[in-house]
Protein backbone atom coordinates (compact mmCIF):
# COMPACT_ATOMS: atom_id res chain seq x y z
CA MET A 1 98.39 81.97 -128.29
CA GLN A 2 97.20 82.66 -124.73
CA LYS A 3 93.76 82.11 -123.44
CA PRO A 4 92.74 82.50 -119.79
CA THR A 5 91.70 79.58 -117.63
CA GLU A 6 89.75 80.48 -114.43
CA TYR A 7 90.13 78.31 -111.34
CA PHE A 8 87.58 78.18 -108.68
CA ASP A 9 88.55 77.91 -104.96
CA GLN A 10 85.69 75.46 -104.41
CA LYS A 11 83.63 73.15 -106.51
CA GLY A 12 79.82 73.38 -106.67
CA PRO A 13 76.84 75.40 -107.47
CA ASP A 14 78.13 78.82 -106.22
CA ASN A 15 80.20 78.80 -109.48
CA THR A 16 77.23 78.31 -111.76
CA ASP A 17 76.78 81.78 -113.00
CA ARG A 18 80.35 82.53 -113.50
CA THR A 19 80.94 79.16 -115.42
CA LEU A 20 78.11 79.98 -117.86
CA GLU A 21 79.37 83.64 -118.19
CA LEU A 22 82.87 82.40 -119.15
CA ALA A 23 81.52 79.66 -121.39
CA CYS A 24 79.30 81.95 -123.29
CA GLN A 25 81.82 84.65 -123.59
CA ARG A 26 84.43 82.14 -125.11
CA ALA A 27 81.87 80.84 -127.42
CA ARG A 28 81.21 84.38 -128.83
CA GLU A 29 84.82 85.22 -128.97
CA GLU A 30 85.64 82.08 -130.92
CA GLY A 31 82.51 81.76 -133.04
CA ILE A 32 81.36 78.60 -131.22
CA GLY A 33 77.53 78.40 -131.73
CA THR A 34 76.61 75.52 -129.45
CA VAL A 35 76.87 75.22 -125.61
CA VAL A 36 75.92 71.91 -124.17
CA VAL A 37 75.09 71.99 -120.47
CA ALA A 38 74.49 69.34 -117.85
CA SER A 39 71.30 70.09 -115.98
CA THR A 40 69.83 67.18 -113.91
CA ARG A 41 67.07 69.19 -112.23
CA GLY A 42 66.67 72.09 -114.87
CA ALA A 43 68.30 74.80 -112.77
CA VAL A 44 71.49 75.19 -114.85
CA ALA A 45 69.44 75.04 -118.05
CA GLY A 46 67.24 77.83 -116.74
CA ARG A 47 70.38 79.97 -115.92
CA ALA A 48 71.88 79.25 -119.27
CA LEU A 49 68.90 80.47 -121.06
CA GLU A 50 69.38 83.82 -119.27
CA ILE A 51 73.03 84.09 -119.49
CA CYS A 52 73.77 82.57 -122.92
CA ALA A 53 71.04 84.28 -124.97
CA GLY A 54 71.63 84.09 -128.73
CA LEU A 55 73.67 80.85 -128.51
CA ASN A 56 72.31 77.38 -129.55
CA LEU A 57 71.88 75.68 -126.09
CA VAL A 58 71.44 71.95 -125.53
CA ALA A 59 70.57 70.57 -122.15
CA CYS A 60 71.46 66.95 -120.85
CA GLY A 61 69.80 65.61 -117.81
CA ILE A 62 69.90 62.11 -116.25
CA GLY A 63 66.21 61.18 -116.42
CA ARG A 64 63.05 62.87 -117.55
CA ASP A 65 61.61 62.31 -113.96
CA GLN A 66 64.14 64.61 -112.40
CA PHE A 67 63.84 67.50 -114.95
CA PRO A 68 60.72 69.71 -114.01
CA ALA A 69 58.16 69.72 -116.94
CA ASP A 70 57.94 73.60 -116.82
CA GLN A 71 61.67 73.88 -117.22
CA LEU A 72 61.53 71.34 -120.23
CA ALA A 73 58.89 73.47 -121.76
CA HIS A 74 60.70 76.77 -121.16
CA PHE A 75 64.04 75.39 -122.48
CA GLY A 76 62.43 73.52 -125.46
CA ALA A 77 61.66 69.83 -125.50
CA ASP A 78 63.77 69.45 -128.68
CA LYS A 79 66.91 70.83 -127.11
CA VAL A 80 66.95 68.62 -123.97
CA ILE A 81 68.16 64.99 -123.92
CA PHE A 82 68.28 62.51 -121.02
CA ALA A 83 71.15 60.13 -120.58
CA ARG A 84 68.80 57.25 -119.81
CA GLU A 85 67.08 57.72 -123.17
CA VAL A 86 70.18 58.22 -125.25
CA GLY A 87 71.68 54.89 -124.00
CA TYR A 88 75.32 55.70 -124.70
CA SER A 89 78.07 53.56 -123.15
CA TYR A 90 80.71 55.66 -121.10
CA PRO A 91 83.48 53.11 -120.49
CA GLU A 92 84.81 52.95 -116.93
CA ASP A 93 88.45 53.58 -117.98
CA MET A 94 87.38 56.94 -119.72
CA ARG A 95 85.23 58.00 -116.85
CA THR A 96 88.06 57.36 -114.47
CA ALA A 97 90.55 59.35 -116.84
CA PHE A 98 88.38 62.40 -117.19
CA ARG A 99 87.36 62.37 -113.55
CA ARG A 100 91.01 62.77 -112.66
CA PHE A 101 90.54 66.37 -113.87
CA GLY A 102 87.40 66.65 -111.87
CA GLN A 103 83.85 65.55 -111.86
CA GLY A 104 82.82 68.43 -113.86
CA THR A 105 85.35 67.51 -116.63
CA LYS A 106 84.06 63.94 -116.73
CA VAL A 107 80.35 65.39 -116.97
CA ALA A 108 81.12 68.05 -119.60
CA VAL A 109 82.58 65.39 -121.83
CA GLU A 110 79.70 63.05 -121.18
CA VAL A 111 76.96 65.61 -122.26
CA VAL A 112 78.74 66.51 -125.47
CA VAL A 113 78.87 62.73 -126.53
CA GLY A 114 75.28 62.39 -125.58
CA ALA A 115 74.36 65.42 -127.63
CA VAL A 116 76.19 64.05 -130.67
CA GLN A 117 74.52 60.52 -130.24
CA ALA A 118 71.17 62.23 -129.89
CA GLY A 119 71.65 64.23 -133.10
CA LEU A 120 71.70 67.68 -131.57
CA VAL A 121 75.48 68.37 -132.16
CA GLN A 122 77.40 67.34 -135.31
CA GLU A 123 80.45 65.07 -134.97
CA GLY A 124 83.59 67.25 -135.46
CA GLU A 125 81.64 70.44 -134.40
CA ARG A 126 83.50 72.61 -131.80
CA VAL A 127 81.25 73.15 -128.83
CA ILE A 128 81.48 74.09 -125.27
CA GLY A 129 80.60 71.52 -122.66
CA VAL A 130 79.63 72.56 -119.33
CA GLY A 131 79.44 70.20 -116.31
CA GLY A 132 79.51 70.18 -112.58
CA SER A 133 80.19 68.41 -109.37
CA SER A 134 76.83 67.11 -108.10
CA ARG A 135 74.84 70.39 -108.27
CA GLY A 136 75.37 73.48 -110.39
CA ALA A 137 77.99 73.99 -112.96
CA ASP A 138 81.75 74.52 -112.20
CA THR A 139 83.64 73.46 -115.38
CA ALA A 140 83.52 74.59 -118.95
CA LEU A 141 85.66 73.02 -121.89
CA VAL A 142 86.00 73.66 -125.57
CA ILE A 143 85.52 70.25 -127.19
CA THR A 144 85.55 68.94 -130.75
CA ALA A 145 82.47 66.72 -130.47
CA SER A 146 82.60 63.08 -131.32
CA TRP A 147 80.23 59.97 -131.21
CA ASP A 148 82.81 58.13 -129.31
CA PHE A 149 84.51 59.04 -126.09
CA ALA A 150 87.88 57.90 -127.29
CA ASP A 151 87.83 60.16 -130.29
CA LEU A 152 86.64 63.20 -128.53
CA TYR A 153 89.16 66.21 -128.19
CA VAL A 154 89.26 68.74 -125.41
CA SER A 155 91.16 71.69 -126.81
CA GLU A 156 90.64 74.31 -123.94
CA VAL A 157 89.79 74.39 -120.32
CA ILE A 158 87.74 77.61 -119.76
CA CYS A 159 87.24 77.11 -116.08
CA LYS A 160 87.26 74.52 -113.41
CA PRO A 161 87.67 73.94 -109.69
CA ALA A 162 91.32 74.04 -108.60
C-alpha cells in the first residue's frame, strides 16, 4: 500500500491551507469523519471550516482568552476545547519524543488526546490530527485516538515540514 506524504520546505503558517486541504482529502478518501485542529487564536479553525466542509471538526486552543469570541461562535462552542480547561497531563518524555518529528507532530498528537479526554472524539476512533509550529498548521497525521499519550497510534504522516 502506498500513500503520499508531502514535505514542506519551511515550517509555519504559509502551509496552513495546503495542510488542511491534504488532511481533508485523506479523511474523505479513507472514510475518516473527524479532523482535530490546533487553533490557538481561531485562524486555523476558521480556515478549516471553509476547507473541510462536511467533516466533523474539533478545534483545540490553549486558553479561552486567546480564542476570539466571534470565532468561537462561528465554529461552535461545543466543538472547541481548551487545553487549560481539559487538564490532561502530557509527560515530558512523550512531548520530547513527538517533538523529534517536529513541533507540529507534538501538537497534532496533543490535540487528539485532548479531544478524547473532553469527550469529543471516541477512544479507538481513527481521526486526523492537525498541528503547527507556533502559528498556522503544517502537520497532519492519521491517528488512532487514545485517552493516554502512551497508547495513541500514529498510522500515517500526511504532511509535515522536512
